[in-house]
Every structure is written in C-alpha cells, then in structure tokens.
C-alpha cells in the first residue's frame, strides 16, 4: 500500500477497516515519507510556490485534540525520533514537545484541534484526519459552516478546510 500511495497518482487516501489493521501506522509512515521528500528539497517553499521564509505545516487532527496528540502525534514522533535518517540528516528541535519543528526548512508537524478552524492561517501541505467516523453530524444546524440544507458534518468540514489549504496552487509532495 505504501508504494502505491507514494506516486504522483495519489494526493490523498481514505483508510477504512477494523481496529488494529494498521490505518494509523500507514498514515504515519506516509507522513514520514512526505517529510523525508521535503527534506531532500533545497527550498521546499520555492517548490511549493510559497515565500522563502514561510512555514510549511502538516497537521494531525482527531475527534479531540488530546486524541490527536496521544494516538497519532506521539507515535509519529517516536518514528522520527528513532529513525537514523532523521537523527543524522533532518533533525527536529527536541526542546519543543507540543510540535515537531524542523527549523532548517521551517517545517512543522502539529496536532491541532478538531475545530473546522483548527488549521486556519497555516500553510498546510498535508496531514492526518483520524477517527472521522466519530465526528459530529448535526441536522438543522445553526452553524455558519452548515451545508445549504442546514446540516453540519464536522469531518466533511475539516476535510474541506485541509483540502482547500493543500490545493491552493501548491505542488504535491
């Protein structure tokens, strides 16, 4: 699955299935792969059509911020921490624990809230949306983010927010 996803043919994947089949593990591996590909670029910002000093962010969102931190971000952090490549060639700032910051290229991996505005004002290149099947769906919602029929689907709104930020004239990693 990793080899198939690591082509220019795919920009996103929806992973479904039973508990324990490796969805989060695959998501973390592919996020690490995207981070590696960025690390090989002389200037990822220029490649992505961004200003030189602009930050690039990969977000991790789940039903609750704490779940994003514990279930996904901490596991991802362990992958990177134990990777010989990331230890030697593309190190993150170990003094910051709430986010992984790769200062050399101004790239961050961060857990964010499950609010539809959790990733607002960030240059989001990609990320992980976890446990979307447990997110709110409200019919007859008064939310400004409700669909034309008045329903609010938290997972759909979060996906659309990330997808818009990711697709706004940037090349894919």
Protein backbone atom coordinates (compact mmCIF):
# COMPACT_ATOMS: atom_id res chain seq x y z
CA UNK A 1 0.00 0.00 0.00
CA UNK A 2 2.83 2.44 0.80
CA UNK A 3 4.43 2.02 -2.62
CA UNK A 4 1.09 2.59 -4.37
CA UNK A 5 0.40 5.72 -2.32
CA UNK A 6 3.89 7.11 -2.90
CA UNK A 7 3.28 8.09 -6.51
CA UNK A 8 2.17 11.26 -8.23
CA UNK A 9 -1.08 9.46 -8.95
CA UNK A 10 -2.42 9.96 -5.40
CA UNK A 11 -2.74 13.09 -3.26
CA UNK A 12 -4.89 11.65 -0.51
CA UNK A 13 -6.12 8.34 0.81
CA UNK A 14 -9.08 7.23 2.87
CA UNK A 15 -8.16 4.33 5.12
CA UNK A 16 -11.01 2.23 6.47
CA UNK A 17 -11.35 -1.06 8.25
CA UNK A 18 -11.38 -2.74 11.60
CA UNK A 19 -9.49 -1.73 14.71
CA UNK A 20 -5.85 -2.80 14.67
CA UNK A 21 -5.33 -3.33 10.94
CA UNK A 22 -2.73 -0.56 10.67
CA UNK A 23 -4.55 2.54 9.43
CA UNK A 24 -2.74 4.89 11.83
CA UNK A 25 0.57 3.15 11.19
CA UNK A 26 0.19 3.55 7.43
CA UNK A 27 -0.82 7.20 7.86
CA UNK A 28 2.27 7.84 10.00
CA UNK A 29 4.57 6.09 7.52
CA UNK A 30 3.22 8.14 4.65
CA UNK A 31 3.52 11.36 6.66
CA UNK A 32 7.14 10.47 7.45
CA UNK A 33 7.70 9.81 3.73
CA UNK A 34 6.29 13.24 2.84
CA UNK A 35 8.55 14.82 5.44
CA UNK A 36 11.55 12.96 4.01
CA UNK A 37 10.73 14.17 0.49
CA UNK A 38 10.60 17.76 1.76
CA UNK A 39 13.94 17.30 3.48
CA UNK A 40 15.51 16.42 0.12
CA UNK A 41 14.47 19.73 -1.42
CA UNK A 42 16.82 22.68 -1.46
CA UNK A 43 13.90 25.03 -0.87
CA UNK A 44 10.53 23.36 -0.29
CA UNK A 45 8.86 26.78 -0.02
CA UNK A 46 10.01 27.74 -3.52
CA UNK A 47 8.99 24.32 -4.84
CA UNK A 48 5.52 24.79 -3.33
CA UNK A 49 5.17 28.33 -4.62
CA UNK A 50 5.48 29.92 -1.17
CA UNK A 51 7.61 32.80 0.04
CA UNK A 52 11.06 31.74 1.18
CA UNK A 53 10.64 32.07 4.96
CA UNK A 54 7.03 30.86 5.08
CA UNK A 55 6.31 27.92 7.34
CA UNK A 56 5.04 24.63 5.97
CA UNK A 57 2.75 22.64 8.23
CA UNK A 58 1.46 19.09 8.36
CA UNK A 59 -1.50 18.83 10.73
CA UNK A 60 -2.80 15.92 12.77
CA UNK A 61 -6.46 16.15 13.76
CA UNK A 62 -8.73 13.72 15.54
CA UNK A 63 -12.04 13.79 17.42
CA UNK A 64 -10.31 15.54 20.31
CA UNK A 65 -7.01 17.40 20.45
CA UNK A 66 -5.80 15.05 23.17
CA UNK A 67 -6.53 12.05 20.93
CA UNK A 68 -4.57 13.64 18.08
CA UNK A 69 -1.66 14.18 20.46
CA UNK A 70 -1.66 10.77 22.15
CA UNK A 71 -2.82 8.39 19.43
CA UNK A 72 -1.14 9.82 16.35
CA UNK A 73 1.38 12.60 17.07
CA UNK A 74 3.26 10.78 19.85
CA UNK A 75 3.51 7.61 17.74
CA UNK A 76 4.70 9.64 14.75
CA UNK A 77 7.23 11.41 16.98
CA UNK A 78 8.65 8.04 18.06
CA UNK A 79 9.11 7.01 14.39
CA UNK A 80 11.04 10.16 13.65
CA UNK A 81 12.99 10.08 16.93
CA UNK A 82 14.23 6.53 16.23
CA UNK A 83 14.89 6.99 12.52
CA UNK A 84 18.60 7.07 11.66
CA UNK A 85 17.88 9.46 8.77
CA UNK A 86 16.03 11.99 10.92
CA UNK A 87 18.64 11.69 13.66
CA UNK A 88 21.51 12.45 11.32
CA UNK A 89 20.27 14.50 8.36
CA UNK A 90 16.98 16.21 9.19
CA UNK A 91 16.70 16.87 12.90
CA UNK A 92 13.81 18.46 14.70
CA UNK A 93 14.01 20.76 17.71
CA UNK A 94 13.83 18.37 20.68
CA UNK A 95 13.27 21.31 23.05
CA UNK A 96 9.74 21.68 21.69
CA UNK A 97 7.45 18.77 22.54
CA UNK A 98 3.99 20.01 21.53
CA UNK A 99 5.01 20.26 17.87
CA UNK A 100 7.82 18.85 15.76
CA UNK A 101 9.73 21.77 14.28
CA UNK A 102 12.34 21.22 11.60
CA UNK A 103 13.97 24.63 11.80
CA UNK A 104 16.34 24.21 8.85
CA UNK A 105 13.43 24.48 6.41
CA UNK A 106 10.72 25.90 8.69
CA UNK A 107 8.56 22.76 8.53
CA UNK A 108 6.27 21.68 11.39
CA UNK A 109 4.18 18.67 12.27
CA UNK A 110 1.48 19.66 14.74
CA UNK A 111 -1.60 18.27 16.37
CA UNK A 112 -4.45 20.75 16.09
CA UNK A 113 -7.97 20.92 17.47
CA UNK A 114 -10.85 19.17 15.75
CA UNK A 115 -12.49 22.51 15.11
CA UNK A 116 -13.11 23.28 11.45
CA UNK A 117 -10.88 26.31 12.01
CA UNK A 118 -8.09 24.28 13.67
CA UNK A 119 -5.77 24.73 10.68
CA UNK A 120 -6.76 28.25 9.72
CA UNK A 121 -3.97 30.67 8.73
CA UNK A 122 -1.47 27.86 8.22
CA UNK A 123 0.30 26.75 5.05
CA UNK A 124 -0.94 23.19 5.32
CA UNK A 125 0.74 20.85 2.89
CA UNK A 126 -0.88 17.69 4.24
CA UNK A 127 -1.79 15.84 7.34
CA UNK A 128 -3.81 13.16 9.02
CA UNK A 129 -7.50 13.29 9.90
CA UNK A 130 -8.13 10.46 12.36
CA UNK A 131 -11.35 8.88 13.66
CA UNK A 132 -13.54 10.88 11.31
CA UNK A 133 -16.38 8.40 11.76
CA UNK A 134 -16.76 9.62 15.37
CA UNK A 135 -17.15 13.29 14.49
CA UNK A 136 -20.36 15.29 14.81
CA UNK A 137 -23.13 15.37 12.24
CA UNK A 138 -25.89 17.80 13.14
CA UNK A 139 -29.07 18.25 11.12
CA UNK A 140 -30.80 21.63 11.27
CA UNK A 141 -27.58 23.23 12.48
CA UNK A 142 -27.34 26.96 13.01
CA UNK A 143 -23.58 26.84 12.39
CA UNK A 144 -22.17 29.19 9.79
CA UNK A 145 -20.41 26.11 8.41
CA UNK A 146 -23.66 24.22 7.78
CA UNK A 147 -24.43 22.97 4.28
CA UNK A 148 -27.14 24.55 2.19
CA UNK A 149 -29.62 22.01 3.60
CA UNK A 150 -28.74 23.08 7.16
CA UNK A 151 -26.65 20.07 8.14
CA UNK A 152 -23.22 20.36 9.72
CA UNK A 153 -20.78 17.49 9.17
CA UNK A 154 -17.63 18.11 11.22
CA UNK A 155 -15.49 15.56 9.34
CA UNK A 156 -16.54 16.92 5.95
CA UNK A 157 -15.82 20.49 7.04
CA UNK A 158 -12.38 19.57 8.43
CA UNK A 159 -11.54 17.67 5.26
CA UNK A 160 -12.66 20.55 3.04
CA UNK A 161 -10.63 23.05 5.08
CA UNK A 162 -7.44 20.96 4.78
CA UNK A 163 -8.07 20.13 1.12
CA UNK A 164 -8.52 23.81 0.21
CA UNK A 165 -5.36 24.79 2.06
CA UNK A 166 -3.40 21.92 0.50
CA UNK A 167 -4.60 22.55 -3.06
CA UNK A 168 -4.20 26.31 -3.19
CA UNK A 169 -1.70 26.46 -6.05
CA UNK A 170 0.85 24.16 -4.43
CA UNK A 171 2.55 21.18 -5.92
CA UNK A 172 2.19 17.89 -4.08
CA UNK A 173 4.87 16.16 -2.07
